Amino acid sequence: MKLIIKLIILIFNLTLSAQSDNFVGEYSRSLGEEGKHIIEYKLTLNQDGTFLFHSYTKIQGGTPPEVNIYGKGKWMAKENLITFSANKKEDFDEKYTLDFNNSKARFITKNPRDKTDQIVKIRLTFVESGIFWMQRIDVFKV
């Protein structure tokens, strides 16, 4: 009986880690035209459950003309919803200032039952965020 329970727990853990592998990787989004206004987002979801975020903005005639904003913390997936969190003591300093607490993103990919030729880019869509400009932002898997 103990062997059966251990086997079930092992299979359950392998299933959970296999699902989180789908989410791991780099996501990015670039808006604007080269030489004019540029907004770039880069999000990296690491295998160990941590993430790094970088936002780069270059506005022609802006003050300041270039802005870099960073964030980091932990992520957790449940089904296709990724929840982000940040520990105020560990994840914030002079460089990492974005607070991803209360941020959630939906993982979007082509449904395996969809047999059409439709191409669906793998992406994360932020559905909630304490960062007002992150809501409804899509970042695409690289």
C-alpha atoms as a PDB file:
ATOM      1  CA  MET A   1       0.000   0.000   0.000  1.00  0.00           C
ATOM      2  CA  LYS A   2       2.835   2.401   0.839  1.00  0.00           C
ATOM      3  CA  LEU A   3       4.433   1.660  -2.524  1.00  0.00           C
ATOM      4  CA  ILE A   4       1.229   2.543  -4.370  1.00  0.00           C
ATOM      5  CA  ILE A   5       0.899   5.849  -2.486  1.00  0.00           C
ATOM      6  CA  LYS A   6       4.529   6.745  -3.206  1.00  0.00           C
ATOM      7  CA  LEU A   7       4.034   5.902  -6.861  1.00  0.00           C
ATOM      8  CA  ILE A   8       0.934   8.108  -7.092  1.00  0.00           C
ATOM      9  CA  ILE A   9       2.762  11.006  -5.436  1.00  0.00           C
ATOM     10  CA  LEU A  10       5.717  10.589  -7.804  1.00  0.00           C
ATOM     11  CA  ILE A  11       3.455  10.616 -10.877  1.00  0.00           C
ATOM     12  CA  PHE A  12       1.597  13.670  -9.544  1.00  0.00           C
ATOM     13  CA  ASN A  13       4.874  15.585  -9.011  1.00  0.00           C
ATOM     14  CA  LEU A  14       6.156  14.672 -12.468  1.00  0.00           C
ATOM     15  CA  THR A  15       2.909  15.897 -14.000  1.00  0.00           C
ATOM     16  CA  LEU A  16       3.170  19.235 -12.177  1.00  0.00           C
ATOM     17  CA  SER A  17       6.771  19.826 -13.252  1.00  0.00           C
ATOM     18  CA  ALA A  18       5.965  18.886 -16.858  1.00  0.00           C
ATOM     19  CA  GLN A  19       3.158  21.448 -16.934  1.00  0.00           C
ATOM     20  CA  SER A  20       5.355  24.258 -15.606  1.00  0.00           C
ATOM     21  CA  ASP A  21       7.943  23.463 -18.304  1.00  0.00           C
ATOM     22  CA  ASN A  22       5.448  24.789 -20.854  1.00  0.00           C
ATOM     23  CA  PHE A  23       5.596  28.236 -19.261  1.00  0.00           C
ATOM     24  CA  VAL A  24       9.370  28.485 -18.727  1.00  0.00           C
ATOM     25  CA  GLY A  25      11.257  30.672 -21.176  1.00  0.00           C
ATOM     26  CA  GLU A  26      11.617  34.190 -22.514  1.00  0.00           C
ATOM     27  CA  TYR A  27       8.734  36.387 -23.568  1.00  0.00           C
ATOM     28  CA  SER A  28       9.041  39.742 -25.291  1.00  0.00           C
ATOM     29  CA  ARG A  29       7.069  42.492 -26.969  1.00  0.00           C
ATOM     30  CA  SER A  30       8.283  45.456 -28.970  1.00  0.00           C
ATOM     31  CA  LEU A  31       6.073  48.418 -29.870  1.00  0.00           C
ATOM     32  CA  GLY A  32       6.855  51.429 -32.021  1.00  0.00           C
ATOM     33  CA  GLU A  33       9.116  52.196 -34.954  1.00  0.00           C
ATOM     34  CA  GLU A  34      12.902  52.116 -35.057  1.00  0.00           C
ATOM     35  CA  GLY A  35      14.295  55.640 -34.808  1.00  0.00           C
ATOM     36  CA  LYS A  36      11.108  57.025 -33.273  1.00  0.00           C
ATOM     37  CA  HIS A  37       9.281  55.860 -30.166  1.00  0.00           C
ATOM     38  CA  ILE A  38      10.137  52.394 -28.852  1.00  0.00           C
ATOM     39  CA  ILE A  39       8.668  50.403 -25.974  1.00  0.00           C
ATOM     40  CA  GLU A  40      10.114  46.962 -25.286  1.00  0.00           C
ATOM     41  CA  TYR A  41       9.110  44.417 -22.653  1.00  0.00           C
ATOM     42  CA  LYS A  42      11.123  41.325 -21.777  1.00  0.00           C
ATOM     43  CA  LEU A  43       9.961  38.723 -19.258  1.00  0.00           C
ATOM     44  CA  THR A  44      11.974  35.632 -18.331  1.00  0.00           C
ATOM     45  CA  LEU A  45      10.296  32.803 -16.420  1.00  0.00           C
ATOM     46  CA  ASN A  46      12.938  30.563 -14.874  1.00  0.00           C
ATOM     47  CA  GLN A  47      12.580  26.863 -14.094  1.00  0.00           C
ATOM     48  CA  ASP A  48      13.134  27.504 -10.365  1.00  0.00           C
ATOM     49  CA  GLY A  49       9.944  29.603 -10.138  1.00  0.00           C
ATOM     50  CA  THR A  50      11.621  33.022 -10.316  1.00  0.00           C
ATOM     51  CA  PHE A  51      11.174  35.701 -12.962  1.00  0.00           C
ATOM     52  CA  LEU A  52      12.935  38.801 -14.269  1.00  0.00           C
ATOM     53  CA  PHE A  53      11.201  41.655 -16.088  1.00  0.00           C
ATOM     54  CA  HIS A  54      12.717  44.539 -18.044  1.00  0.00           C
ATOM     55  CA  SER A  55      10.875  47.448 -19.645  1.00  0.00           C
ATOM     56  CA  TYR A  56      12.781  49.744 -21.989  1.00  0.00           C
ATOM     57  CA  THR A  57      11.228  52.950 -23.280  1.00  0.00           C
ATOM     58  CA  LYS A  58      12.815  55.390 -25.731  1.00  0.00           C
ATOM     59  CA  ILE A  59      10.640  58.376 -26.557  1.00  0.00           C
ATOM     60  CA  GLN A  60      11.905  60.870 -29.131  1.00  0.00           C
ATOM     61  CA  GLY A  61      11.983  64.238 -27.394  1.00  0.00           C
ATOM     62  CA  GLY A  62      11.047  62.659 -24.051  1.00  0.00           C
ATOM     63  CA  THR A  63      12.458  63.594 -20.678  1.00  0.00           C
ATOM     64  CA  PRO A  64      14.412  61.454 -20.000  1.00  0.00           C
ATOM     65  CA  PRO A  65      14.763  60.099 -23.524  1.00  0.00           C
ATOM     66  CA  GLU A  66      15.433  56.515 -22.360  1.00  0.00           C
ATOM     67  CA  VAL A  67      13.946  54.703 -19.357  1.00  0.00           C
ATOM     68  CA  ASN A  68      14.799  51.235 -18.037  1.00  0.00           C
ATOM     69  CA  ILE A  69      12.553  49.679 -15.384  1.00  0.00           C
ATOM     70  CA  TYR A  70      13.144  46.283 -13.793  1.00  0.00           C
ATOM     71  CA  GLY A  71      11.195  43.837 -11.682  1.00  0.00           C
ATOM     72  CA  LYS A  72      11.792  40.392 -10.236  1.00  0.00           C
ATOM     73  CA  GLY A  73      10.153  37.894  -7.956  1.00  0.00           C
ATOM     74  CA  LYS A  74       8.482  34.496  -8.013  1.00  0.00           C
ATOM     75  CA  TRP A  75       5.838  32.969 -10.254  1.00  0.00           C
ATOM     76  CA  MET A  76       3.443  30.091  -9.789  1.00  0.00           C
ATOM     77  CA  ALA A  77       1.203  28.387 -12.334  1.00  0.00           C
ATOM     78  CA  LYS A  78      -2.198  26.881 -11.757  1.00  0.00           C
ATOM     79  CA  GLU A  79      -3.758  25.499 -14.924  1.00  0.00           C
ATOM     80  CA  ASN A  80      -3.165  28.299 -17.479  1.00  0.00           C
ATOM     81  CA  LEU A  81      -3.010  31.167 -14.995  1.00  0.00           C
ATOM     82  CA  ILE A  82       0.350  32.442 -13.769  1.00  0.00           C
ATOM     83  CA  THR A  83       0.454  34.406 -10.532  1.00  0.00           C
ATOM     84  CA  PHE A  84       3.384  36.723  -9.830  1.00  0.00           C
ATOM     85  CA  SER A  85       4.617  37.791  -6.414  1.00  0.00           C
ATOM     86  CA  ALA A  86       7.488  39.842  -5.040  1.00  0.00           C
ATOM     87  CA  ASN A  87       8.992  39.883  -1.571  1.00  0.00           C
ATOM     88  CA  LYS A  88       9.639  43.445  -0.435  1.00  0.00           C
ATOM     89  CA  LYS A  89      12.806  42.438   1.459  1.00  0.00           C
ATOM     90  CA  GLU A  90      14.382  40.194  -1.198  1.00  0.00           C
ATOM     91  CA  ASP A  91      13.128  41.410  -4.570  1.00  0.00           C
ATOM     92  CA  PHE A  92      13.315  45.192  -4.305  1.00  0.00           C
ATOM     93  CA  ASP A  93      16.392  47.417  -4.435  1.00  0.00           C
ATOM     94  CA  GLU A  94      17.579  50.450  -6.388  1.00  0.00           C
ATOM     95  CA  LYS A  95      17.430  48.554  -9.705  1.00  0.00           C
ATOM     96  CA  TYR A  96      14.364  46.320  -9.212  1.00  0.00           C
ATOM     97  CA  THR A  97      11.503  48.667  -8.391  1.00  0.00           C
ATOM     98  CA  LEU A  98       8.424  47.198 -10.121  1.00  0.00           C
ATOM     99  CA  ASP A  99       5.943  45.544  -7.754  1.00  0.00           C
ATOM    100  CA  PHE A 100       4.401  42.497  -9.442  1.00  0.00           C
ATOM    101  CA  ASN A 101       2.276  41.559  -6.416  1.00  0.00           C
ATOM    102  CA  ASN A 102      -1.354  41.066  -7.448  1.00  0.00           C
ATOM    103  CA  SER A 103      -0.301  40.438 -11.060  1.00  0.00           C
ATOM    104  CA  LYS A 104      -1.741  37.544 -13.042  1.00  0.00           C
ATOM    105  CA  ALA A 105      -1.234  36.463 -16.631  1.00  0.00           C
ATOM    106  CA  ARG A 106      -3.035  33.889 -18.752  1.00  0.00           C
ATOM    107  CA  PHE A 107      -0.918  31.448 -20.795  1.00  0.00           C
ATOM    108  CA  ILE A 108      -2.372  31.262 -24.296  1.00  0.00           C
ATOM    109  CA  THR A 109      -1.489  28.610 -26.851  1.00  0.00           C
ATOM    110  CA  LYS A 110      -3.251  26.701 -29.595  1.00  0.00           C
ATOM    111  CA  ASN A 111      -5.727  24.196 -28.228  1.00  0.00           C
ATOM    112  CA  PRO A 112      -4.474  20.647 -28.914  1.00  0.00           C
ATOM    113  CA  ARG A 113      -7.962  19.733 -30.176  1.00  0.00           C
ATOM    114  CA  ASP A 114      -7.808  22.501 -32.799  1.00  0.00           C
ATOM    115  CA  LYS A 115      -6.890  20.731 -36.056  1.00  0.00           C
ATOM    116  CA  THR A 116      -7.082  23.842 -38.267  1.00  0.00           C
ATOM    117  CA  ASP A 117      -4.095  25.559 -39.882  1.00  0.00           C
ATOM    118  CA  GLN A 118      -4.635  28.591 -37.667  1.00  0.00           C
ATOM    119  CA  ILE A 119      -1.371  29.839 -36.173  1.00  0.00           C
ATOM    120  CA  VAL A 120      -1.593  30.910 -32.542  1.00  0.00           C
ATOM    121  CA  LYS A 121       1.494  32.568 -31.085  1.00  0.00           C
ATOM    122  CA  ILE A 122       2.301  31.343 -27.586  1.00  0.00           C
ATOM    123  CA  ARG A 123       1.924  34.304 -25.259  1.00  0.00           C
ATOM    124  CA  LEU A 124       1.135  35.592 -21.811  1.00  0.00           C
ATOM    125  CA  THR A 125      -1.679  38.111 -21.462  1.00  0.00           C
ATOM    126  CA  PHE A 126      -1.660  40.088 -18.234  1.00  0.00           C
ATOM    127  CA  VAL A 127      -5.233  40.060 -16.939  1.00  0.00           C
ATOM    128  CA  GLU A 128      -4.549  41.731 -13.571  1.00  0.00           C
ATOM    129  CA  SER A 129      -1.725  43.875 -12.317  1.00  0.00           C
ATOM    130  CA  GLY A 130      -0.990  46.538  -9.741  1.00  0.00           C
ATOM    131  CA  ILE A 131       1.135  48.115 -12.486  1.00  0.00           C
ATOM    132  CA  PHE A 132      -1.511  50.007 -14.474  1.00  0.00           C
ATOM    133  CA  TRP A 133       0.295  49.873 -17.826  1.00  0.00           C
ATOM    134  CA  MET A 134       0.774  46.083 -17.618  1.00  0.00           C
ATOM    135  CA  GLN A 135      -2.934  45.257 -17.750  1.00  0.00           C
ATOM    136  CA  ARG A 136      -3.942  43.684 -21.073  1.00  0.00           C
ATOM    137  CA  ILE A 137      -0.319  43.575 -22.302  1.00  0.00           C
ATOM    138  CA  ASP A 138       0.636  40.524 -24.384  1.00  0.00           C
ATOM    139  CA  VAL A 139       4.210  39.237 -24.328  1.00  0.00           C
ATOM    140  CA  PHE A 140       5.091  36.540 -26.856  1.00  0.00           C
ATOM    141  CA  LYS A 141       7.291  33.506 -26.244  1.00  0.00           C
ATOM    142  CA  VAL A 142      10.621  33.736 -28.049  1.00  0.00           C
END
